[in-house]
Amino acid sequence: MTPLSVAEISGRLRSAFPDAEIEVVDDGHLHVGHAGAKSGGHFRVRLVAPAFAGLTTLARHRLVYHALGDWLPGRIHALAIEAHEPAGT
């Protein structure tokens, strides 16, 4: 299985949330030797998007999971999500 890059994840999220501020961090180096790291990467994402306005944390996370769906589980082993609506919305 080919490892994912930050650019691939950013691109997928940009397609799903075109007006979002997006930051993707590869935390794979923190998990070297972890058995799960062999099956997929460890990533952290931070998104600020109008699409999250009025939604619960769970609903926001579901939208992110849906955008990355076919990579979970598999190419993404662990994903930390920070999803916010823009200030003032």
N, C-alpha and C. Protein backbone atom coordinates (compact mmCIF):
# COMPACT_ATOMS: atom_id res chain seq x y z
N MET A 1 0.84 -1.18 0.00
CA MET A 1 0.00 0.00 0.00
C MET A 1 0.89 1.24 0.00
N THR A 2 0.61 2.16 -0.88
CA THR A 2 1.39 3.38 -1.00
C THR A 2 1.03 4.35 0.12
N PRO A 3 2.02 4.87 0.83
CA PRO A 3 1.73 5.84 1.89
C PRO A 3 1.11 7.11 1.32
N LEU A 4 0.24 7.71 2.08
CA LEU A 4 -0.36 8.98 1.68
C LEU A 4 0.58 10.13 2.01
N SER A 5 0.46 11.19 1.24
CA SER A 5 1.22 12.40 1.53
C SER A 5 0.29 13.46 2.11
N VAL A 6 0.88 14.43 2.75
CA VAL A 6 0.13 15.56 3.27
C VAL A 6 -0.61 16.25 2.12
N ALA A 7 0.04 16.35 0.96
CA ALA A 7 -0.57 17.00 -0.20
C ALA A 7 -1.82 16.26 -0.68
N GLU A 8 -1.79 14.93 -0.67
CA GLU A 8 -2.96 14.16 -1.09
C GLU A 8 -4.14 14.39 -0.15
N ILE A 9 -3.86 14.36 1.14
CA ILE A 9 -4.94 14.57 2.11
C ILE A 9 -5.45 16.00 2.01
N SER A 10 -4.55 16.96 1.91
CA SER A 10 -4.95 18.37 1.76
C SER A 10 -5.82 18.56 0.52
N GLY A 11 -5.45 17.92 -0.57
CA GLY A 11 -6.22 18.03 -1.81
C GLY A 11 -7.62 17.47 -1.68
N ARG A 12 -7.72 16.33 -1.04
CA ARG A 12 -9.03 15.71 -0.83
C ARG A 12 -9.90 16.61 0.06
N LEU A 13 -9.33 17.14 1.12
CA LEU A 13 -10.09 18.02 2.00
C LEU A 13 -10.45 19.33 1.31
N ARG A 14 -9.55 19.84 0.47
CA ARG A 14 -9.83 21.07 -0.28
C ARG A 14 -11.00 20.87 -1.23
N SER A 15 -11.10 19.69 -1.82
CA SER A 15 -12.23 19.39 -2.71
C SER A 15 -13.54 19.36 -1.93
N ALA A 16 -13.51 18.81 -0.73
CA ALA A 16 -14.72 18.70 0.08
C ALA A 16 -15.09 20.01 0.77
N PHE A 17 -14.08 20.79 1.12
CA PHE A 17 -14.28 22.05 1.85
C PHE A 17 -13.50 23.16 1.16
N PRO A 18 -13.96 23.62 -0.02
CA PRO A 18 -13.18 24.54 -0.84
C PRO A 18 -12.89 25.90 -0.19
N ASP A 19 -13.72 26.31 0.74
CA ASP A 19 -13.52 27.61 1.37
C ASP A 19 -12.93 27.50 2.78
N ALA A 20 -12.33 26.38 3.09
CA ALA A 20 -11.79 26.14 4.43
C ALA A 20 -10.32 26.52 4.55
N GLU A 21 -9.93 26.85 5.77
CA GLU A 21 -8.52 26.91 6.13
C GLU A 21 -8.15 25.48 6.52
N ILE A 22 -7.11 24.94 5.92
CA ILE A 22 -6.76 23.53 6.13
C ILE A 22 -5.29 23.40 6.48
N GLU A 23 -5.03 22.63 7.52
CA GLU A 23 -3.65 22.29 7.89
C GLU A 23 -3.60 20.78 8.12
N VAL A 24 -2.66 20.12 7.48
CA VAL A 24 -2.48 18.68 7.64
C VAL A 24 -1.04 18.44 8.08
N VAL A 25 -0.89 17.63 9.13
CA VAL A 25 0.43 17.32 9.66
C VAL A 25 0.60 15.80 9.67
N ASP A 26 1.72 15.34 9.17
CA ASP A 26 2.06 13.92 9.19
C ASP A 26 2.77 13.63 10.51
N ASP A 27 2.13 12.86 11.37
CA ASP A 27 2.71 12.50 12.67
C ASP A 27 3.33 11.11 12.65
N GLY A 28 3.59 10.56 11.48
CA GLY A 28 4.13 9.22 11.35
C GLY A 28 5.42 9.01 12.10
N HIS A 29 6.27 10.03 12.14
CA HIS A 29 7.55 9.90 12.83
C HIS A 29 7.38 9.66 14.33
N LEU A 30 6.22 10.00 14.87
CA LEU A 30 5.97 9.79 16.30
C LEU A 30 5.53 8.35 16.59
N HIS A 31 5.27 7.58 15.55
CA HIS A 31 4.72 6.24 15.72
C HIS A 31 5.58 5.15 15.10
N VAL A 32 6.84 5.44 14.87
CA VAL A 32 7.75 4.45 14.31
C VAL A 32 7.81 3.26 15.27
N GLY A 33 7.64 2.07 14.72
CA GLY A 33 7.66 0.86 15.53
C GLY A 33 6.29 0.42 16.01
N HIS A 34 5.30 1.30 15.92
CA HIS A 34 3.93 0.95 16.30
C HIS A 34 3.35 0.03 15.23
N ALA A 35 2.79 -1.09 15.64
CA ALA A 35 2.30 -2.08 14.68
C ALA A 35 1.31 -1.49 13.68
N GLY A 36 0.43 -0.62 14.13
CA GLY A 36 -0.55 -0.02 13.23
C GLY A 36 0.05 0.89 12.19
N ALA A 37 1.24 1.41 12.46
CA ALA A 37 1.88 2.32 11.51
C ALA A 37 2.23 1.62 10.21
N LYS A 38 2.32 0.31 10.22
CA LYS A 38 2.63 -0.43 9.00
C LYS A 38 1.46 -0.46 8.03
N SER A 39 0.23 -0.32 8.56
CA SER A 39 -0.94 -0.42 7.70
C SER A 39 -1.41 0.92 7.16
N GLY A 40 -0.95 2.01 7.72
CA GLY A 40 -1.38 3.32 7.25
C GLY A 40 -0.74 4.41 8.08
N GLY A 41 -0.90 5.64 7.62
CA GLY A 41 -0.24 6.76 8.28
C GLY A 41 -1.00 7.32 9.45
N HIS A 42 -0.31 8.15 10.21
CA HIS A 42 -0.86 8.88 11.34
C HIS A 42 -0.86 10.36 10.96
N PHE A 43 -2.02 10.98 10.97
CA PHE A 43 -2.14 12.36 10.54
C PHE A 43 -2.98 13.16 11.53
N ARG A 44 -2.73 14.46 11.50
CA ARG A 44 -3.51 15.42 12.29
C ARG A 44 -4.01 16.47 11.31
N VAL A 45 -5.30 16.78 11.35
CA VAL A 45 -5.87 17.80 10.47
C VAL A 45 -6.56 18.86 11.31
N ARG A 46 -6.45 20.08 10.83
CA ARG A 46 -7.15 21.22 11.43
C ARG A 46 -7.86 21.94 10.30
N LEU A 47 -9.17 22.08 10.46
CA LEU A 47 -9.98 22.75 9.45
C LEU A 47 -10.84 23.81 10.11
N VAL A 48 -10.95 24.94 9.44
CA VAL A 48 -11.89 25.99 9.83
C VAL A 48 -12.74 26.24 8.59
N ALA A 49 -14.02 25.89 8.67
CA ALA A 49 -14.86 25.93 7.47
C ALA A 49 -16.27 26.40 7.80
N PRO A 50 -16.85 27.22 6.93
CA PRO A 50 -18.24 27.62 7.11
C PRO A 50 -19.19 26.42 7.14
N ALA A 51 -18.81 25.33 6.50
CA ALA A 51 -19.67 24.13 6.47
C ALA A 51 -19.90 23.57 7.87
N PHE A 52 -19.06 23.94 8.83
CA PHE A 52 -19.19 23.42 10.19
C PHE A 52 -20.07 24.28 11.08
N ALA A 53 -20.55 25.40 10.57
CA ALA A 53 -21.37 26.31 11.38
C ALA A 53 -22.60 25.61 11.93
N GLY A 54 -22.77 25.71 13.24
CA GLY A 54 -23.95 25.15 13.90
C GLY A 54 -23.92 23.65 14.11
N LEU A 55 -22.86 22.98 13.68
CA LEU A 55 -22.79 21.52 13.82
C LEU A 55 -22.08 21.12 15.12
N THR A 56 -22.45 19.97 15.63
CA THR A 56 -21.75 19.41 16.79
C THR A 56 -20.38 18.93 16.36
N THR A 57 -19.53 18.69 17.34
CA THR A 57 -18.20 18.14 17.05
C THR A 57 -18.32 16.82 16.30
N LEU A 58 -19.23 15.96 16.73
CA LEU A 58 -19.41 14.67 16.08
C LEU A 58 -19.82 14.84 14.62
N ALA A 59 -20.73 15.75 14.34
CA ALA A 59 -21.18 15.98 12.96
C ALA A 59 -20.03 16.53 12.11
N ARG A 60 -19.21 17.38 12.67
CA ARG A 60 -18.06 17.93 11.94
C ARG A 60 -17.08 16.81 11.59
N HIS A 61 -16.81 15.96 12.57
CA HIS A 61 -15.88 14.85 12.35
C HIS A 61 -16.44 13.89 11.29
N ARG A 62 -17.72 13.66 11.31
CA ARG A 62 -18.32 12.78 10.30
C ARG A 62 -18.13 13.34 8.89
N LEU A 63 -18.24 14.65 8.73
CA LEU A 63 -18.01 15.26 7.42
C LEU A 63 -16.56 15.04 6.96
N VAL A 64 -15.62 15.18 7.88
CA VAL A 64 -14.22 14.96 7.53
C VAL A 64 -13.98 13.49 7.18
N TYR A 65 -14.53 12.58 7.99
CA TYR A 65 -14.40 11.15 7.70
C TYR A 65 -15.01 10.81 6.35
N HIS A 66 -16.13 11.43 6.03
CA HIS A 66 -16.78 11.17 4.74
C HIS A 66 -15.86 11.62 3.59
N ALA A 67 -15.21 12.76 3.75
CA ALA A 67 -14.31 13.26 2.69
C ALA A 67 -13.12 12.34 2.47
N LEU A 68 -12.66 11.69 3.52
CA LEU A 68 -11.48 10.82 3.43
C LEU A 68 -11.85 9.35 3.46
N GLY A 69 -13.14 9.06 3.40
CA GLY A 69 -13.71 7.75 3.63
C GLY A 69 -13.00 6.53 3.09
N ASP A 70 -12.64 6.53 1.83
CA ASP A 70 -12.04 5.31 1.25
C ASP A 70 -10.61 5.10 1.71
N TRP A 71 -10.03 6.06 2.40
CA TRP A 71 -8.68 5.91 2.94
C TRP A 71 -8.70 5.47 4.41
N LEU A 72 -9.90 5.40 5.00
CA LEU A 72 -10.08 5.04 6.41
C LEU A 72 -10.86 3.75 6.53
N PRO A 73 -10.50 2.78 7.25
CA PRO A 73 -9.12 2.54 7.62
C PRO A 73 -8.37 2.02 6.41
N GLY A 74 -7.13 2.01 6.48
CA GLY A 74 -6.29 1.55 5.36
C GLY A 74 -5.10 2.45 5.23
N ARG A 75 -5.18 3.36 4.30
CA ARG A 75 -4.03 4.24 4.07
C ARG A 75 -3.86 5.25 5.20
N ILE A 76 -4.94 5.51 5.94
CA ILE A 76 -4.86 6.33 7.14
C ILE A 76 -5.18 5.41 8.31
N HIS A 77 -4.21 5.22 9.19
CA HIS A 77 -4.41 4.38 10.37
C HIS A 77 -5.01 5.19 11.52
N ALA A 78 -4.53 6.41 11.70
CA ALA A 78 -5.00 7.26 12.79
C ALA A 78 -5.15 8.68 12.29
N LEU A 79 -6.24 9.32 12.71
CA LEU A 79 -6.53 10.68 12.26
C LEU A 79 -7.04 11.49 13.44
N ALA A 80 -6.31 12.53 13.80
CA ALA A 80 -6.76 13.47 14.83
C ALA A 80 -7.39 14.65 14.10
N ILE A 81 -8.60 15.01 14.49
CA ILE A 81 -9.34 16.06 13.80
C ILE A 81 -9.64 17.21 14.74
N GLU A 82 -9.35 18.41 14.26
CA GLU A 82 -9.75 19.63 14.92
C GLU A 82 -10.56 20.40 13.88
N ALA A 83 -11.87 20.51 14.07
CA ALA A 83 -12.75 21.12 13.07
C ALA A 83 -13.58 22.22 13.73
N HIS A 84 -13.46 23.42 13.18
CA HIS A 84 -14.13 24.59 13.75
C HIS A 84 -14.86 25.37 12.68
N GLU A 85 -15.85 26.12 13.12
CA GLU A 85 -16.47 27.08 12.23
C GLU A 85 -15.70 28.39 12.36
N PRO A 86 -15.74 29.23 11.34
CA PRO A 86 -15.04 30.51 11.43
C PRO A 86 -15.62 31.37 12.57
N ALA A 87 -14.79 32.17 13.16
CA ALA A 87 -15.25 33.07 14.23
C ALA A 87 -16.31 34.02 13.68
N GLY A 88 -17.32 34.26 14.47
CA GLY A 88 -18.35 35.20 14.08
C GLY A 88 -19.46 34.62 13.23
N THR A 89 -19.48 33.29 13.06
CA THR A 89 -20.58 32.71 12.27
C THR A 89 -21.58 32.06 13.18
